[in-house]
Protein backbone atom coordinates (compact mmCIF):
# COMPACT_ATOMS: atom_id res chain seq x y z
CA MET A 1 175.09 73.48 129.87
CA ILE A 2 175.78 74.59 126.98
CA LEU A 3 178.34 72.12 125.01
CA ASP A 4 181.58 73.71 123.52
CA ASP A 5 182.35 70.76 120.97
CA PHE A 6 178.59 69.46 120.04
CA VAL A 7 179.68 70.36 117.25
CA LEU A 8 182.95 70.84 115.20
CA ILE A 9 184.80 71.23 112.03
CA ASP A 10 186.50 68.00 110.74
CA ASP A 11 188.04 67.54 106.82
CA LYS A 12 184.52 67.04 106.16
CA GLY A 13 183.05 69.99 107.41
CA LEU A 14 180.28 70.85 111.13
CA TYR A 15 179.30 67.82 112.87
CA CYS A 16 177.87 66.66 115.18
CA LYS A 17 179.23 63.94 118.01
CA TYR A 18 176.35 63.30 119.96
CA GLY A 19 174.12 62.50 116.67
CA ASP A 20 176.89 61.09 114.56
CA PHE A 21 175.73 63.82 112.29
CA TYR A 22 176.95 66.69 109.69
CA LEU A 23 175.23 69.72 108.84
CA ASP A 24 175.99 70.12 105.30
CA PRO A 25 179.20 68.57 104.86
CA LYS A 26 181.95 69.37 102.20
CA LEU A 27 182.69 65.92 101.59
CA PRO A 28 180.09 62.53 101.74
CA ALA A 29 179.05 61.23 104.44
CA LYS A 30 176.65 58.46 106.23
CA ASN A 31 174.91 61.34 107.64
CA ALA A 32 173.79 64.69 106.70
CA VAL A 33 171.90 67.11 107.81
CA ILE A 34 170.86 69.70 104.98
CA THR A 35 169.82 72.66 105.10
CA HIS A 36 169.55 74.00 101.58
CA ALA A 37 169.80 73.64 97.94
CA HIS A 38 172.88 75.19 96.22
CA ALA A 39 175.85 73.15 95.46
CA ASP A 40 178.38 74.58 98.36
CA HIS A 41 176.00 73.52 101.48
CA ALA A 42 174.28 70.07 99.74
CA ILE A 43 177.49 67.72 97.68
CA SER A 44 176.09 64.19 96.20
CA GLY A 45 177.42 61.10 97.33
CA ASN A 46 175.59 60.85 101.09
CA THR A 47 174.13 57.81 102.47
CA ASP A 48 171.46 59.49 104.71
CA VAL A 49 170.11 62.77 103.63
CA TYR A 50 168.66 64.54 105.81
CA CYS A 51 166.25 68.05 103.91
CA THR A 52 162.69 70.12 103.33
CA ARG A 53 160.96 68.33 99.42
CA ALA A 54 162.81 71.27 97.71
CA THR A 55 165.46 70.51 98.81
CA ALA A 56 165.54 67.05 98.15
CA THR A 57 163.96 67.81 94.62
CA VAL A 58 166.89 70.29 93.08
CA MET A 59 169.43 67.78 94.68
CA GLN A 60 168.16 64.86 92.63
CA LEU A 61 167.78 67.07 89.47
CA ARG A 62 170.84 68.07 89.92
CA TYR A 63 172.34 64.43 91.14
CA GLU A 64 170.33 61.61 90.14
CA ARG A 65 171.50 58.97 91.43
CA THR A 66 174.06 60.21 93.28
CA ALA A 67 172.05 62.84 94.96
CA ALA A 68 171.90 60.59 97.74
CA LYS A 69 171.59 56.46 98.73
CA VAL A 70 167.99 57.72 101.04
CA PHE A 71 166.76 61.36 101.78
CA HIS A 72 164.44 61.69 104.57
CA ILE A 73 162.38 64.03 103.93
CA VAL A 74 160.92 65.86 106.72
CA PRO A 75 159.03 69.17 106.96
CA PHE A 76 159.57 72.18 108.65
CA ASN A 77 158.52 72.06 112.59
CA GLN A 78 157.68 68.82 112.38
CA PRO A 79 160.82 67.22 115.44
CA PHE A 80 163.35 64.10 114.76
CA THR A 81 165.90 62.52 115.89
CA ILE A 82 169.25 60.68 114.90
CA GLY A 83 171.33 59.52 118.08
CA ARG A 84 171.04 61.28 120.82
CA VAL A 85 169.57 64.85 120.03
CA GLN A 86 165.98 66.47 118.17
CA ILE A 87 166.18 67.91 115.31
CA THR A 88 164.32 70.60 113.43
CA PHE A 89 163.52 72.10 110.36
CA ILE A 90 162.58 75.89 110.68
CA PRO A 91 162.63 78.04 107.46
CA ALA A 92 165.65 80.54 107.04
CA GLY A 93 164.71 82.80 103.93
CA HIS A 94 167.42 82.16 102.01
CA MET A 95 165.57 80.17 99.08
CA LEU A 96 163.05 77.63 98.28
CA GLY A 97 162.53 74.92 101.01
CA SER A 98 166.14 76.02 102.78
CA ALA A 99 165.80 75.87 106.86
CA GLN A 100 167.73 76.07 110.05
CA ILE A 101 168.81 73.40 111.78
CA LEU A 102 167.39 73.45 115.93
CA MET A 103 168.86 70.97 117.41
CA GLU A 104 168.51 69.92 120.96
CA TYR A 105 170.21 67.63 123.74
CA GLU A 106 170.23 67.27 127.15
CA GLY A 107 168.18 70.71 127.90
CA THR A 108 170.30 72.88 125.62
CA ARG A 109 169.04 74.15 122.10
CA TYR A 110 171.38 75.24 119.27
CA LEU A 111 170.03 76.28 115.95
CA TYR A 112 172.06 76.22 112.90
CA THR A 113 171.10 79.42 111.10
CA GLY A 114 172.61 77.54 106.92
CA ASP A 115 172.32 80.51 104.56
CA TYR A 116 169.31 82.90 105.46
CA LYS A 117 167.72 85.81 104.52
CA LEU A 118 165.44 88.00 106.49
CA GLN A 119 164.29 90.60 103.57
CA PRO A 120 161.11 89.63 101.98
CA ASP A 121 161.01 86.57 98.92
CA ALA A 122 157.64 85.97 97.47
CA THR A 123 159.86 83.05 96.14
CA CYS A 124 160.11 81.05 99.09
CA GLU A 125 159.10 80.53 102.52
CA PRO A 126 159.69 83.48 104.90
CA ILE A 127 161.64 82.93 107.82
CA GLU A 128 160.39 81.40 111.42
CA TRP A 129 162.13 82.76 114.57
CA VAL A 130 162.78 80.21 118.03
CA LYS A 131 164.76 81.51 120.88
CA THR A 132 168.09 79.12 121.35
CA ASP A 133 171.12 78.76 124.00
CA VAL A 134 173.41 79.01 120.91
CA LEU A 135 173.12 80.11 117.40
CA ILE A 136 175.53 78.92 114.81
CA THR A 137 175.11 81.75 112.26
CA GLU A 138 177.17 82.11 109.09
CA SER A 139 178.83 85.41 109.56
CA THR A 140 179.65 86.12 105.22
CA PHE A 141 178.77 89.89 105.40
CA ALA A 142 179.05 90.03 109.21
CA ASP A 143 180.08 93.80 108.63
CA PRO A 144 179.34 97.59 110.44
CA ALA A 145 180.04 98.74 107.42
CA VAL A 146 177.87 96.15 104.78
CA ILE A 147 174.15 97.05 104.95
CA HIS A 148 171.98 95.45 101.85
CA PRO A 149 170.15 98.09 99.87
CA ASP A 150 166.22 98.02 99.03
CA PRO A 151 165.79 95.17 96.88
CA VAL A 152 163.12 96.53 95.31
CA GLU A 153 164.62 100.46 94.54
CA GLU A 154 167.41 97.55 93.53
CA ILE A 155 165.55 96.51 90.90
CA LYS A 156 163.79 99.90 89.69
CA LYS A 157 167.27 100.96 88.26
CA ILE A 158 167.29 98.40 85.30
CA VAL A 159 163.43 100.65 84.41
CA ASP A 160 165.59 103.65 82.72
CA ILE A 161 167.55 101.08 81.02
CA LYS A 162 166.02 101.16 77.93
CA ILE A 163 168.11 98.74 75.75
CA ASN A 164 168.07 94.69 75.57
CA ILE A 165 169.72 93.64 78.73
CA LEU A 166 172.20 91.09 80.09
CA LEU A 167 171.36 89.60 83.86
CA GLY A 168 173.03 87.42 85.43
CA ALA A 169 172.69 85.56 88.39
CA TYR A 170 172.77 82.38 90.07
CA GLY A 171 170.07 79.52 88.31
CA LEU A 172 168.43 78.85 91.63
CA GLY A 173 167.48 81.08 94.43
CA LYS A 174 168.10 83.76 92.69
CA SER A 175 166.52 84.23 89.18
CA GLN A 176 163.48 83.29 91.21
CA ARG A 177 163.47 86.20 92.34
CA LEU A 178 165.06 87.90 90.63
CA ILE A 179 161.67 86.66 87.86
CA ASN A 180 159.17 88.29 90.73
CA LEU A 181 160.65 90.97 91.72
CA ILE A 182 161.20 92.12 87.64
CA THR A 183 157.65 90.84 87.67
CA GLU A 184 156.05 92.85 90.53
CA HIS A 185 158.56 96.36 90.04
CA ALA A 186 159.67 96.92 86.49
CA PRO A 187 156.50 95.36 84.43
CA ARG A 188 157.44 96.49 80.84
CA LYS A 189 160.07 94.95 80.77
CA LYS A 190 159.96 91.44 79.27
CA ILE A 191 162.07 88.51 81.11
CA LEU A 192 163.79 85.50 78.59
CA VAL A 193 165.11 82.63 80.55
CA HIS A 194 168.04 79.75 79.89
CA HIS A 195 167.17 76.95 79.57
CA LYS A 196 169.29 75.89 82.17
CA ILE A 197 167.11 77.53 84.76
CA MET A 198 163.67 75.90 83.16
CA PRO A 199 163.70 72.67 85.39
CA ILE A 200 164.78 74.69 88.27
CA ASN A 201 161.20 77.30 87.47
CA ALA A 202 159.11 74.51 86.94
CA ILE A 203 160.33 72.49 90.73
CA TYR A 204 159.06 76.54 91.66
CA GLU A 205 155.98 76.13 90.47
CA ASN A 206 155.26 73.13 91.17
CA MET A 207 155.20 73.66 94.56
CA GLY A 208 153.11 76.97 94.19
CA TYR A 209 155.94 79.36 93.93
CA ARG A 210 155.40 80.63 90.17
CA PRO A 211 158.12 83.31 90.19
CA GLY A 212 156.79 85.90 87.81
CA LYS A 213 156.16 86.23 84.02
CA TYR A 214 158.65 84.31 81.82
CA GLN A 215 159.50 82.47 78.83
CA VAL A 216 162.27 81.40 77.28
CA TYR A 217 165.06 82.89 75.69
CA GLY A 218 165.10 82.14 71.59
CA ARG A 219 167.50 83.68 69.98
CA LYS A 220 165.19 85.50 67.59
CA LEU A 221 164.10 87.45 70.82
CA MET A 222 167.55 89.44 71.72
CA LYS A 223 168.13 90.69 68.22
CA VAL A 224 165.08 92.99 68.57
CA GLN A 225 165.44 96.02 71.18
CA ASP A 226 162.60 95.33 72.79
CA GLU A 227 162.93 95.95 76.84
CA PHE A 228 164.07 92.78 77.37
CA VAL A 229 165.72 91.13 79.99
CA TYR A 230 167.82 87.89 79.66
CA ILE A 231 168.35 86.14 82.78
CA VAL A 232 171.37 83.52 82.51
CA PRO A 233 173.53 81.28 84.95
CA PRO A 234 177.36 82.83 85.65
CA PHE A 235 178.96 80.25 83.00
CA THR A 236 176.87 81.86 79.92
CA PHE A 237 176.91 85.48 80.98
CA ASP A 238 180.83 85.09 81.63
CA SER A 239 180.98 83.38 77.81
CA TYR A 240 179.41 86.68 76.28
CA ILE A 241 181.49 88.74 77.79
CA ARG A 242 182.16 90.72 73.91
CA ALA A 243 177.98 90.88 73.90
CA THR A 244 176.60 94.33 71.79
CA GLY A 245 173.61 95.77 71.77
CA VAL A 246 172.87 94.43 75.60
CA LYS A 247 173.40 95.98 78.75
CA ARG A 248 175.46 93.86 81.59
CA LEU A 249 174.78 92.82 84.35
CA PHE A 250 174.97 90.80 87.10
CA ALA A 251 172.65 90.57 90.24
CA SER A 252 174.87 89.92 93.69
CA GLY A 253 175.28 91.32 96.86
CA TRP A 254 179.53 90.71 96.00
CA LYS A 255 180.96 94.12 94.53
CA ASN A 256 183.29 92.13 92.85
CA LEU A 257 180.53 90.46 91.27
CA GLN A 258 179.15 94.19 89.56
CA VAL A 259 180.25 94.46 86.06
CA ASN A 260 179.83 98.08 85.15
CA SER A 261 180.75 100.74 87.65
CA GLN A 262 178.24 102.60 86.30
CA ASP A 263 175.03 99.96 87.03
CA THR A 264 175.24 98.04 89.73
CA LEU A 265 172.76 95.71 91.06
CA PHE A 266 173.44 95.08 94.95
CA ILE A 267 170.80 91.91 95.61
CA SER A 268 172.17 90.14 98.47
CA ASP A 269 170.40 86.83 99.74
CA HIS A 270 172.23 86.56 102.82
CA VAL A 271 172.12 88.53 106.23
CA ASP A 272 174.47 91.71 106.83
CA TRP A 273 175.33 93.47 109.46
CA LYS A 274 172.26 94.40 110.72
CA ASP A 275 170.19 91.77 110.32
CA ILE A 276 172.55 89.25 112.16
CA LEU A 277 171.79 91.86 115.45
CA GLU A 278 168.40 91.48 114.59
CA THR A 279 168.32 87.89 114.87
CA ILE A 280 170.64 87.50 117.38
CA ALA A 281 167.97 89.80 119.16
CA ARG A 282 164.88 87.68 118.37
CA THR A 283 166.30 84.26 119.07
CA GLN A 284 168.11 85.93 121.89
CA PRO A 285 171.37 83.41 122.78
CA LYS A 286 174.31 83.19 125.25
CA GLN A 287 176.08 82.62 122.84
CA VAL A 288 177.40 82.92 119.65
CA TRP A 289 179.16 80.99 117.15
CA THR A 290 180.61 82.38 113.35
CA LEU A 291 181.04 80.04 110.61
CA HIS A 292 181.81 80.81 106.74
CA GLY A 293 183.56 84.25 107.10
CA ASP A 294 184.81 86.99 109.83
CA GLY A 295 182.85 87.13 113.49
CA ARG A 296 185.59 89.14 115.13
CA HIS A 297 182.98 91.65 114.94
CA LEU A 298 180.81 90.17 115.97
CA LYS A 299 183.06 89.98 118.67
CA ASN A 300 184.04 92.73 119.00
CA TYR A 301 180.70 94.86 119.52
CA PHE A 302 179.90 91.95 122.18
CA LYS A 303 182.42 91.98 124.24
CA ASP A 304 181.61 91.16 127.18
CA GLU A 305 177.74 90.85 126.75
CA ILE A 306 177.30 87.42 124.51
CA PHE A 307 179.96 85.18 124.36
CA VAL A 308 181.08 85.03 120.86
CA LYS A 309 183.06 81.89 119.19
CA ILE A 310 184.64 81.93 116.02
CA LEU A 311 184.73 78.29 114.35
CA ASN A 312 186.38 78.92 111.36
């Protein structure tokens, strides 16, 4: 039997009272089950954190002593229990270590996706599929009008840009994926990486996911026009708004983050409308609960075929 109150939203975030834990809490919690290490999902100050090794390693890099009082590091596909709920981490394909959270209680399965991605990505574990009774999916781009382009075709756009490129990207997950895409599909480009991104690259490499060919940025290098691509985090990108002699691009799935009307780089690490429909087809839920976006399009699309509940 599906419990309508299996997870509820309170001031700390998404709470499961049957196991007494939060999923990606927004405020410090006693028991926190973390899907991945992006800061909007993995905050500091939790007491007991349950996550994958990659997620814990990035959290420790970012937060040091305040990352958690205790980390419970669990491999993918190895069940464990909190309270009365059995939990299993399933690869989500969003970034290194990202996990879907499969929760089983009294014979019913609830799958919380967290952020996830279906597109191929050599810098993280590919998404895996499990059947579920309830799919709790992020719906950031759950709109029939949003279809993400092929990331390979997007990255090939930079091949014909002959001046140096200042490429803005989030330092964790997106930057490593961009390094890999440029190395593979724009091999003439020489990749420079901001020093803030280097420790994250080191984590990826230590876990067997070398992004590609790159070197740390040096000020003298960008003064030469040699088809450099300098990958920088958002705060640095914004500070270089008056940079001359470079093409400014920001790699994102969001239209408002594209900085040139003539040159866009739409590379998203989230699912689009077609991806969500494929996820529902593969997981075969009886109900779909939506988070982090607008679930109305899904509700209208499935009508009486699948019950859709909007949690946020």
